[in-house]
């Protein structure tokens, strides 16, 4: 019986591996075999196809709006506390 070698999918010294350039994604740090622009375009196209019929759960839009308002108010309160020494003195005593 002949010694048959299993073909390897990736040869470290193959022409393809030597000529392929990888780009590091700034968001995830992943090594991409293509530049950011084609990757972003292909990814957006796949997401649009895969999630074309998705809709938010009932009440989620209102919840996110309320959370956004609460965060804005919280940040505003912190800023006013920082900039008004009289208010800061009242709050800390």
PDB file of N, CA and C in Angstrom:
ATOM      1  N   UNK A   1       0.840  -1.180   0.000  1.00  0.00           N
ATOM      2  CA  UNK A   1       0.000   0.000   0.000  1.00  0.00           C
ATOM      3  C   UNK A   1       0.889   1.248   0.000  1.00  0.00           C
ATOM      4  N   UNK A   2       0.542   2.164  -0.838  1.00  0.00           N
ATOM      5  CA  UNK A   2       1.332   3.384  -0.978  1.00  0.00           C
ATOM      6  C   UNK A   2       1.083   4.333   0.187  1.00  0.00           C
ATOM      7  N   UNK A   3       2.105   5.041   0.521  1.00  0.00           N
ATOM      8  CA  UNK A   3       1.989   6.047   1.574  1.00  0.00           C
ATOM      9  C   UNK A   3       1.374   7.309   0.969  1.00  0.00           C
ATOM     10  N   UNK A   4       0.112   7.531   1.272  1.00  0.00           N
ATOM     11  CA  UNK A   4      -0.577   8.707   0.723  1.00  0.00           C
ATOM     12  C   UNK A   4      -0.567   9.819   1.761  1.00  0.00           C
ATOM     13  N   UNK A   5      -0.106  10.938   1.333  1.00  0.00           N
ATOM     14  CA  UNK A   5      -0.073  12.088   2.220  1.00  0.00           C
ATOM     15  C   UNK A   5      -1.372  12.866   2.090  1.00  0.00           C
ATOM     16  N   UNK A   6      -1.928  13.271   3.208  1.00  0.00           N
ATOM     17  CA  UNK A   6      -3.131  14.087   3.193  1.00  0.00           C
ATOM     18  C   UNK A   6      -2.755  15.481   2.709  1.00  0.00           C
ATOM     19  N   UNK A   7      -3.468  15.989   1.716  1.00  0.00           N
ATOM     20  CA  UNK A   7      -3.139  17.339   1.245  1.00  0.00           C
ATOM     21  C   UNK A   7      -3.388  18.364   2.345  1.00  0.00           C
ATOM     22  N   UNK A   8      -2.494  19.312   2.445  1.00  0.00           N
ATOM     23  CA  UNK A   8      -2.635  20.352   3.459  1.00  0.00           C
ATOM     24  C   UNK A   8      -3.321  21.559   2.840  1.00  0.00           C
ATOM     25  N   UNK A   9      -4.222  22.125   3.602  1.00  0.00           N
ATOM     26  CA  UNK A   9      -4.933  23.303   3.117  1.00  0.00           C
ATOM     27  C   UNK A   9      -4.058  24.548   3.173  1.00  0.00           C
ATOM     28  N   UNK A  10      -3.148  24.568   4.120  1.00  0.00           N
ATOM     29  CA  UNK A  10      -2.291  25.739   4.261  1.00  0.00           C
ATOM     30  C   UNK A  10      -0.842  25.302   4.259  1.00  0.00           C
ATOM     31  N   UNK A  11      -0.132  25.723   3.300  1.00  0.00           N
ATOM     32  CA  UNK A  11       1.301  25.466   3.220  1.00  0.00           C
ATOM     33  C   UNK A  11       2.023  26.750   3.614  1.00  0.00           C
ATOM     34  N   UNK A  12       2.817  26.718   4.664  1.00  0.00           N
ATOM     35  CA  UNK A  12       3.479  27.940   5.118  1.00  0.00           C
ATOM     36  C   UNK A  12       4.324  28.627   4.052  1.00  0.00           C
ATOM     37  N   UNK A  13       4.890  27.863   3.132  1.00  0.00           N
ATOM     38  CA  UNK A  13       5.765  28.454   2.122  1.00  0.00           C
ATOM     39  C   UNK A  13       5.099  28.571   0.762  1.00  0.00           C
ATOM     40  N   UNK A  14       3.797  28.432   0.716  1.00  0.00           N
ATOM     41  CA  UNK A  14       3.114  28.488  -0.576  1.00  0.00           C
ATOM     42  C   UNK A  14       3.092  29.921  -1.111  1.00  0.00           C
ATOM     43  N   UNK A  15       2.890  30.032  -2.407  1.00  0.00           N
ATOM     44  CA  UNK A  15       2.846  31.335  -3.056  1.00  0.00           C
ATOM     45  C   UNK A  15       1.741  32.207  -2.468  1.00  0.00           C
ATOM     46  N   UNK A  16       0.564  31.610  -2.220  1.00  0.00           N
ATOM     47  CA  UNK A  16      -0.568  32.386  -1.706  1.00  0.00           C
ATOM     48  C   UNK A  16      -0.257  32.986  -0.347  1.00  0.00           C
ATOM     49  N   UNK A  17       0.348  32.200   0.528  1.00  0.00           N
ATOM     50  CA  UNK A  17       0.627  32.734   1.863  1.00  0.00           C
ATOM     51  C   UNK A  17       1.713  33.802   1.831  1.00  0.00           C
ATOM     52  N   UNK A  18       2.590  33.743   0.838  1.00  0.00           N
ATOM     53  CA  UNK A  18       3.650  34.745   0.743  1.00  0.00           C
ATOM     54  C   UNK A  18       3.143  36.051   0.143  1.00  0.00           C
ATOM     55  N   UNK A  19       2.170  35.974  -0.741  1.00  0.00           N
ATOM     56  CA  UNK A  19       1.702  37.186  -1.403  1.00  0.00           C
ATOM     57  C   UNK A  19       0.518  37.823  -0.696  1.00  0.00           C
ATOM     58  N   UNK A  20      -0.171  37.084   0.137  1.00  0.00           N
ATOM     59  CA  UNK A  20      -1.337  37.638   0.830  1.00  0.00           C
ATOM     60  C   UNK A  20      -0.868  38.551   1.951  1.00  0.00           C
ATOM     61  N   UNK A  21      -1.395  39.744   1.967  1.00  0.00           N
ATOM     62  CA  UNK A  21      -1.065  40.691   3.024  1.00  0.00           C
ATOM     63  C   UNK A  21      -2.224  40.751   3.994  1.00  0.00           C
ATOM     64  N   UNK A  22      -1.914  40.802   5.266  1.00  0.00           N
ATOM     65  CA  UNK A  22      -2.972  40.934   6.257  1.00  0.00           C
ATOM     66  C   UNK A  22      -2.978  42.355   6.794  1.00  0.00           C
ATOM     67  N   UNK A  23      -4.156  42.788   7.163  1.00  0.00           N
ATOM     68  CA  UNK A  23      -4.352  44.107   7.747  1.00  0.00           C
ATOM     69  C   UNK A  23      -4.958  43.892   9.120  1.00  0.00           C
ATOM     70  N   UNK A  24      -4.466  44.577  10.118  1.00  0.00           N
ATOM     71  CA  UNK A  24      -5.012  44.453  11.460  1.00  0.00           C
ATOM     72  C   UNK A  24      -6.195  45.395  11.602  1.00  0.00           C
ATOM     73  N   UNK A  25      -7.338  44.836  11.996  1.00  0.00           N
ATOM     74  CA  UNK A  25      -8.555  45.621  12.192  1.00  0.00           C
ATOM     75  C   UNK A  25      -8.370  46.522  13.407  1.00  0.00           C
ATOM     76  N   UNK A  26      -8.630  47.811  13.259  1.00  0.00           N
ATOM     77  CA  UNK A  26      -8.444  48.752  14.364  1.00  0.00           C
ATOM     78  C   UNK A  26      -9.473  48.556  15.467  1.00  0.00           C
ATOM     79  N   UNK A  27     -10.630  47.981  15.140  1.00  0.00           N
ATOM     80  CA  UNK A  27     -11.685  47.789  16.130  1.00  0.00           C
ATOM     81  C   UNK A  27     -11.474  46.527  16.952  1.00  0.00           C
ATOM     82  N   UNK A  28     -11.226  45.404  16.278  1.00  0.00           N
ATOM     83  CA  UNK A  28     -11.149  44.118  16.965  1.00  0.00           C
ATOM     84  C   UNK A  28      -9.738  43.596  17.137  1.00  0.00           C
ATOM     85  N   UNK A  29      -8.789  44.135  16.383  1.00  0.00           N
ATOM     86  CA  UNK A  29      -7.433  43.631  16.432  1.00  0.00           C
ATOM     87  C   UNK A  29      -7.225  42.370  15.611  1.00  0.00           C
ATOM     88  N   UNK A  30      -8.261  41.949  14.890  1.00  0.00           N
ATOM     89  CA  UNK A  30      -8.178  40.736  14.078  1.00  0.00           C
ATOM     90  C   UNK A  30      -7.268  40.961  12.875  1.00  0.00           C
ATOM     91  N   UNK A  31      -6.577  39.912  12.479  1.00  0.00           N
ATOM     92  CA  UNK A  31      -5.742  39.958  11.277  1.00  0.00           C
ATOM     93  C   UNK A  31      -6.630  39.634  10.084  1.00  0.00           C
ATOM     94  N   UNK A  32      -6.833  40.593   9.219  1.00  0.00           N
ATOM     95  CA  UNK A  32      -7.716  40.419   8.072  1.00  0.00           C
ATOM     96  C   UNK A  32      -6.893  40.241   6.806  1.00  0.00           C
ATOM     97  N   UNK A  33      -7.293  39.274   5.947  1.00  0.00           N
ATOM     98  CA  UNK A  33      -6.561  39.078   4.703  1.00  0.00           C
ATOM     99  C   UNK A  33      -6.907  40.113   3.637  1.00  0.00           C
ATOM    100  N   UNK A  34      -7.781  41.060   3.958  1.00  0.00           N
ATOM    101  CA  UNK A  34      -8.167  42.128   3.034  1.00  0.00           C
ATOM    102  C   UNK A  34      -8.104  43.446   3.787  1.00  0.00           C
ATOM    103  N   UNK A  35      -8.146  44.540   3.055  1.00  0.00           N
ATOM    104  CA  UNK A  35      -8.093  45.843   3.717  1.00  0.00           C
ATOM    105  C   UNK A  35      -9.432  46.149   4.383  1.00  0.00           C
ATOM    106  N   UNK A  36      -9.434  47.178   5.196  1.00  0.00           N
ATOM    107  CA  UNK A  36     -10.619  47.511   5.993  1.00  0.00           C
ATOM    108  C   UNK A  36     -11.839  47.846   5.134  1.00  0.00           C
ATOM    109  N   UNK A  37     -11.653  48.613   4.065  1.00  0.00           N
ATOM    110  CA  UNK A  37     -12.794  49.070   3.258  1.00  0.00           C
ATOM    111  C   UNK A  37     -13.575  47.911   2.637  1.00  0.00           C
ATOM    112  N   UNK A  38     -12.913  46.968   1.925  1.00  0.00           N
ATOM    113  CA  UNK A  38     -13.685  45.845   1.377  1.00  0.00           C
ATOM    114  C   UNK A  38     -14.314  44.987   2.473  1.00  0.00           C
ATOM    115  N   UNK A  39     -13.597  44.811   3.590  1.00  0.00           N
ATOM    116  CA  UNK A  39     -14.151  44.027   4.690  1.00  0.00           C
ATOM    117  C   UNK A  39     -15.412  44.686   5.239  1.00  0.00           C
ATOM    118  N   UNK A  40     -15.363  45.993   5.463  1.00  0.00           N
ATOM    119  CA  UNK A  40     -16.521  46.714   5.994  1.00  0.00           C
ATOM    120  C   UNK A  40     -17.697  46.641   5.032  1.00  0.00           C
ATOM    121  N   UNK A  41     -17.423  46.786   3.735  1.00  0.00           N
ATOM    122  CA  UNK A  41     -18.485  46.728   2.730  1.00  0.00           C
ATOM    123  C   UNK A  41     -19.119  45.335   2.693  1.00  0.00           C
ATOM    124  N   UNK A  42     -18.292  44.287   2.637  1.00  0.00           N
ATOM    125  CA  UNK A  42     -18.817  42.921   2.593  1.00  0.00           C
ATOM    126  C   UNK A  42     -19.580  42.586   3.868  1.00  0.00           C
ATOM    127  N   UNK A  43     -19.054  43.024   4.995  1.00  0.00           N
ATOM    128  CA  UNK A  43     -19.711  42.763   6.271  1.00  0.00           C
ATOM    129  C   UNK A  43     -21.080  43.444   6.330  1.00  0.00           C
ATOM    130  N   UNK A  44     -21.158  44.692   5.888  1.00  0.00           N
ATOM    131  CA  UNK A  44     -22.434  45.417   5.882  1.00  0.00           C
ATOM    132  C   UNK A  44     -23.444  44.742   4.958  1.00  0.00           C
ATOM    133  N   UNK A  45     -22.978  44.272   3.797  1.00  0.00           N
ATOM    134  CA  UNK A  45     -23.876  43.582   2.865  1.00  0.00           C
ATOM    135  C   UNK A  45     -24.418  42.295   3.477  1.00  0.00           C
ATOM    136  N   UNK A  46     -23.552  41.530   4.135  1.00  0.00           N
ATOM    137  CA  UNK A  46     -23.985  40.270   4.758  1.00  0.00           C
ATOM    138  C   UNK A  46     -24.954  40.531   5.905  1.00  0.00           C
ATOM    139  N   UNK A  47     -24.684  41.559   6.705  1.00  0.00           N
ATOM    140  CA  UNK A  47     -25.595  41.891   7.799  1.00  0.00           C
ATOM    141  C   UNK A  47     -26.957  42.322   7.262  1.00  0.00           C
ATOM    142  N   UNK A  48     -26.958  43.128   6.211  1.00  0.00           N
ATOM    143  CA  UNK A  48     -28.222  43.589   5.626  1.00  0.00           C
ATOM    144  C   UNK A  48     -29.051  42.414   5.127  1.00  0.00           C
ATOM    145  N   UNK A  49     -28.390  41.431   4.527  1.00  0.00           N
ATOM    146  CA  UNK A  49     -29.096  40.248   4.028  1.00  0.00           C
ATOM    147  C   UNK A  49     -29.588  39.377   5.181  1.00  0.00           C
ATOM    148  N   UNK A  50     -28.720  39.114   6.141  1.00  0.00           N
ATOM    149  CA  UNK A  50     -29.051  38.198   7.229  1.00  0.00           C
ATOM    150  C   UNK A  50     -30.108  38.759   8.175  1.00  0.00           C
ATOM    151  N   UNK A  51     -30.113  40.068   8.370  1.00  0.00           N
ATOM    152  CA  UNK A  51     -31.013  40.656   9.360  1.00  0.00           C
ATOM    153  C   UNK A  51     -32.045  41.587   8.736  1.00  0.00           C
ATOM    154  N   UNK A  52     -32.398  41.350   7.486  1.00  0.00           N
ATOM    155  CA  UNK A  52     -33.312  42.253   6.780  1.00  0.00           C
ATOM    156  C   UNK A  52     -34.709  42.283   7.387  1.00  0.00           C
ATOM    157  N   UNK A  53     -35.145  41.202   8.003  1.00  0.00           N
ATOM    158  CA  UNK A  53     -36.508  41.170   8.543  1.00  0.00           C
ATOM    159  C   UNK A  53     -36.545  41.287  10.069  1.00  0.00           C
ATOM    160  N   UNK A  54     -35.445  41.675  10.689  1.00  0.00           N
ATOM    161  CA  UNK A  54     -35.405  41.825  12.147  1.00  0.00           C
ATOM    162  C   UNK A  54     -36.058  43.137  12.564  1.00  0.00           C
ATOM    163  N   UNK A  55     -36.769  43.079  13.671  1.00  0.00           N
ATOM    164  CA  UNK A  55     -37.412  44.265  14.237  1.00  0.00           C
ATOM    165  C   UNK A  55     -37.112  44.303  15.731  1.00  0.00           C
ATOM    166  N   UNK A  56     -37.055  45.490  16.328  1.00  0.00           N
ATOM    167  CA  UNK A  56     -36.806  45.564  17.770  1.00  0.00           C
ATOM    168  C   UNK A  56     -37.984  45.000  18.558  1.00  0.00           C
ATOM    169  N   UNK A  57     -37.697  44.497  19.733  1.00  0.00           N
ATOM    170  CA  UNK A  57     -38.747  43.991  20.608  1.00  0.00           C
ATOM    171  C   UNK A  57     -39.649  45.140  21.037  1.00  0.00           C
ATOM    172  N   UNK A  58     -40.901  44.854  21.346  1.00  0.00           N
ATOM    173  CA  UNK A  58     -41.817  45.916  21.779  1.00  0.00           C
ATOM    174  C   UNK A  58     -41.272  46.633  23.022  1.00  0.00           C
ATOM    175  N   UNK A  59     -41.269  47.947  22.978  1.00  0.00           N
ATOM    176  CA  UNK A  59     -40.840  48.754  24.111  1.00  0.00           C
ATOM    177  C   UNK A  59     -39.359  49.095  24.145  1.00  0.00           C
ATOM    178  N   UNK A  60     -38.560  48.468  23.300  1.00  0.00           N
ATOM    179  CA  UNK A  60     -37.113  48.697  23.340  1.00  0.00           C
ATOM    180  C   UNK A  60     -36.760  50.121  22.923  1.00  0.00           C
ATOM    181  N   UNK A  61     -37.419  50.643  21.903  1.00  0.00           N
ATOM    182  CA  UNK A  61     -37.099  52.001  21.448  1.00  0.00           C
ATOM    183  C   UNK A  61     -37.374  53.022  22.551  1.00  0.00           C
ATOM    184  N   UNK A  62     -38.488  52.866  23.261  1.00  0.00           N
ATOM    185  CA  UNK A  62     -38.822  53.775  24.359  1.00  0.00           C
ATOM    186  C   UNK A  62     -37.813  53.618  25.504  1.00  0.00           C
ATOM    187  N   UNK A  63     -37.431  52.381  25.796  1.00  0.00           N
ATOM    188  CA  UNK A  63     -36.452  52.121  26.847  1.00  0.00           C
ATOM    189  C   UNK A  63     -35.116  52.792  26.531  1.00  0.00           C
ATOM    190  N   UNK A  64     -34.645  52.635  25.303  1.00  0.00           N
ATOM    191  CA  UNK A  64     -33.376  53.253  24.913  1.00  0.00           C
ATOM    192  C   UNK A  64     -33.449  54.776  24.958  1.00  0.00           C
ATOM    193  N   UNK A  65     -34.580  55.339  24.557  1.00  0.00           N
ATOM    194  CA  UNK A  65     -34.754  56.786  24.614  1.00  0.00           C
ATOM    195  C   UNK A  65     -34.692  57.269  26.063  1.00  0.00           C
ATOM    196  N   UNK A  66     -35.376  56.553  26.973  1.00  0.00           N
ATOM    197  CA  UNK A  66     -35.365  56.929  28.388  1.00  0.00           C
ATOM    198  C   UNK A  66     -33.970  56.788  28.994  1.00  0.00           C
ATOM    199  N   UNK A  67     -33.256  55.729  28.624  1.00  0.00           N
ATOM    200  CA  UNK A  67     -31.897  55.547  29.132  1.00  0.00           C
ATOM    201  C   UNK A  67     -30.979  56.657  28.637  1.00  0.00           C
ATOM    202  N   UNK A  68     -31.147  57.046  27.383  1.00  0.00           N
ATOM    203  CA  UNK A  68     -30.337  58.119  26.821  1.00  0.00           C
ATOM    204  C   UNK A  68     -30.609  59.431  27.548  1.00  0.00           C
ATOM    205  N   UNK A  69     -31.872  59.709  27.811  1.00  0.00           N
ATOM    206  CA  UNK A  69     -32.230  60.938  28.541  1.00  0.00           C
ATOM    207  C   UNK A  69     -31.674  60.909  29.956  1.00  0.00           C
ATOM    208  N   UNK A  70     -31.770  59.764  30.621  1.00  0.00           N
ATOM    209  CA  UNK A  70     -31.266  59.647  31.989  1.00  0.00           C
ATOM    210  C   UNK A  70     -29.758  59.858  32.019  1.00  0.00           C
ATOM    211  N   UNK A  71     -29.061  59.310  31.037  1.00  0.00           N
ATOM    212  CA  UNK A  71     -27.602  59.482  30.979  1.00  0.00           C
ATOM    213  C   UNK A  71     -27.255  60.947  30.739  1.00  0.00           C
ATOM    214  N   UNK A  72     -27.966  61.606  29.835  1.00  0.00           N
ATOM    215  CA  UNK A  72     -27.705  63.017  29.552  1.00  0.00           C
ATOM    216  C   UNK A  72     -27.947  63.865  30.795  1.00  0.00           C
ATOM    217  N   UNK A  73     -29.026  63.589  31.519  1.00  0.00           N
ATOM    218  CA  UNK A  73     -29.334  64.341  32.734  1.00  0.00           C
ATOM    219  C   UNK A  73     -28.269  64.093  33.792  1.00  0.00           C
ATOM    220  N   UNK A  74     -27.830  62.855  33.912  1.00  0.00           N
ATOM    221  CA  UNK A  74     -26.808  62.510  34.893  1.00  0.00           C
ATOM    222  C   UNK A  74     -25.503  63.233  34.594  1.00  0.00           C
ATOM    223  N   UNK A  75     -25.120  63.262  33.345  1.00  0.00           N
ATOM    224  CA  UNK A  75     -23.888  63.959  32.953  1.00  0.00           C
ATOM    225  C   UNK A  75     -24.034  65.454  33.201  1.00  0.00           C
ATOM    226  N   UNK A  76     -25.197  66.009  32.888  1.00  0.00           N
ATOM    227  CA  UNK A  76     -25.442  67.430  33.130  1.00  0.00           C
ATOM    228  C   UNK A  76     -25.354  67.768  34.604  1.00  0.00           C
ATOM    229  N   UNK A  77     -25.897  66.907  35.465  1.00  0.00           N
ATOM    230  CA  UNK A  77     -25.824  67.140  36.909  1.00  0.00           C
ATOM    231  C   UNK A  77     -24.381  67.114  37.392  1.00  0.00           C
ATOM    232  N   UNK A  78     -23.603  66.171  36.883  1.00  0.00           N
ATOM    233  CA  UNK A  78     -22.198  66.090  37.290  1.00  0.00           C
ATOM    234  C   UNK A  78     -21.426  67.322  36.830  1.00  0.00           C
ATOM    235  N   UNK A  79     -21.707  67.794  35.636  1.00  0.00           N
ATOM    236  CA  UNK A  79     -21.009  68.980  35.137  1.00  0.00           C
ATOM    237  C   UNK A  79     -21.370  70.208  35.956  1.00  0.00           C
ATOM    238  N   UNK A  80     -22.651  70.369  36.302  1.00  0.00           N
ATOM    239  CA  UNK A  80     -23.039  71.540  37.090  1.00  0.00           C
ATOM    240  C   UNK A  80     -22.412  71.467  38.478  1.00  0.00           C
ATOM    241  N   UNK A  81     -22.275  70.271  39.024  1.00  0.00           N
ATOM    242  CA  UNK A  81     -21.658  70.107  40.332  1.00  0.00           C
ATOM    243  C   UNK A  81     -20.186  70.503  40.266  1.00  0.00           C
ATOM    244  N   UNK A  82     -19.528  70.161  39.171  1.00  0.00           N
ATOM    245  CA  UNK A  82     -18.109  70.490  39.035  1.00  0.00           C
ATOM    246  C   UNK A  82     -17.869  71.985  38.877  1.00  0.00           C
ATOM    247  N   UNK A  83     -18.768  72.670  38.191  1.00  0.00           N
ATOM    248  CA  UNK A  83     -18.518  74.061  37.838  1.00  0.00           C
ATOM    249  C   UNK A  83     -19.093  75.073  38.825  1.00  0.00           C
ATOM    250  N   UNK A  84     -19.870  74.647  39.789  1.00  0.00           N
ATOM    251  CA  UNK A  84     -20.472  75.587  40.741  1.00  0.00           C
ATOM    252  C   UNK A  84     -19.968  75.270  42.150  1.00  0.00           C
ATOM    253  N   UNK A  85     -18.969  76.006  42.618  1.00  0.00           N
ATOM    254  CA  UNK A  85     -18.390  75.729  43.941  1.00  0.00           C
ATOM    255  C   UNK A  85     -19.418  75.808  45.066  1.00  0.00           C
ATOM    256  N   UNK A  86     -20.381  76.729  44.969  1.00  0.00           N
ATOM    257  CA  UNK A  86     -21.388  76.851  46.029  1.00  0.00           C
ATOM    258  C   UNK A  86     -22.232  75.579  46.104  1.00  0.00           C
ATOM    259  N   UNK A  87     -22.629  75.049  44.968  1.00  0.00           N
ATOM    260  CA  UNK A  87     -23.423  73.816  44.948  1.00  0.00           C
ATOM    261  C   UNK A  87     -22.593  72.643  45.462  1.00  0.00           C
ATOM    262  N   UNK A  88     -21.324  72.613  45.104  1.00  0.00           N
ATOM    263  CA  UNK A  88     -20.441  71.541  45.547  1.00  0.00           C
ATOM    264  C   UNK A  88     -20.307  71.584  47.071  1.00  0.00           C
ATOM    265  N   UNK A  89     -20.215  72.774  47.648  1.00  0.00           N
ATOM    266  CA  UNK A  89     -20.099  72.915  49.102  1.00  0.00           C
ATOM    267  C   UNK A  89     -21.360  72.418  49.794  1.00  0.00           C
ATOM    268  N   UNK A  90     -22.524  72.703  49.212  1.00  0.00           N
ATOM    269  CA  UNK A  90     -23.796  72.242  49.788  1.00  0.00           C
ATOM    270  C   UNK A  90     -23.877  70.721  49.720  1.00  0.00           C
ATOM    271  N   UNK A  91     -23.500  70.151  48.578  1.00  0.00           N
ATOM    272  CA  UNK A  91     -23.610  68.705  48.385  1.00  0.00           C
ATOM    273  C   UNK A  91     -22.648  67.917  49.263  1.00  0.00           C
ATOM    274  N   UNK A  92     -21.495  68.477  49.575  1.00  0.00           N
ATOM    275  CA  UNK A  92     -20.492  67.723  50.329  1.00  0.00           C
ATOM    276  C   UNK A  92     -20.613  67.909  51.835  1.00  0.00           C
ATOM    277  N   UNK A  93     -21.437  68.851  52.289  1.00  0.00           N
ATOM    278  CA  UNK A  93     -21.610  69.064  53.742  1.00  0.00           C
ATOM    279  C   UNK A  93     -22.807  68.347  54.274  1.00  0.00           C
TER     280      UNK A  93
END
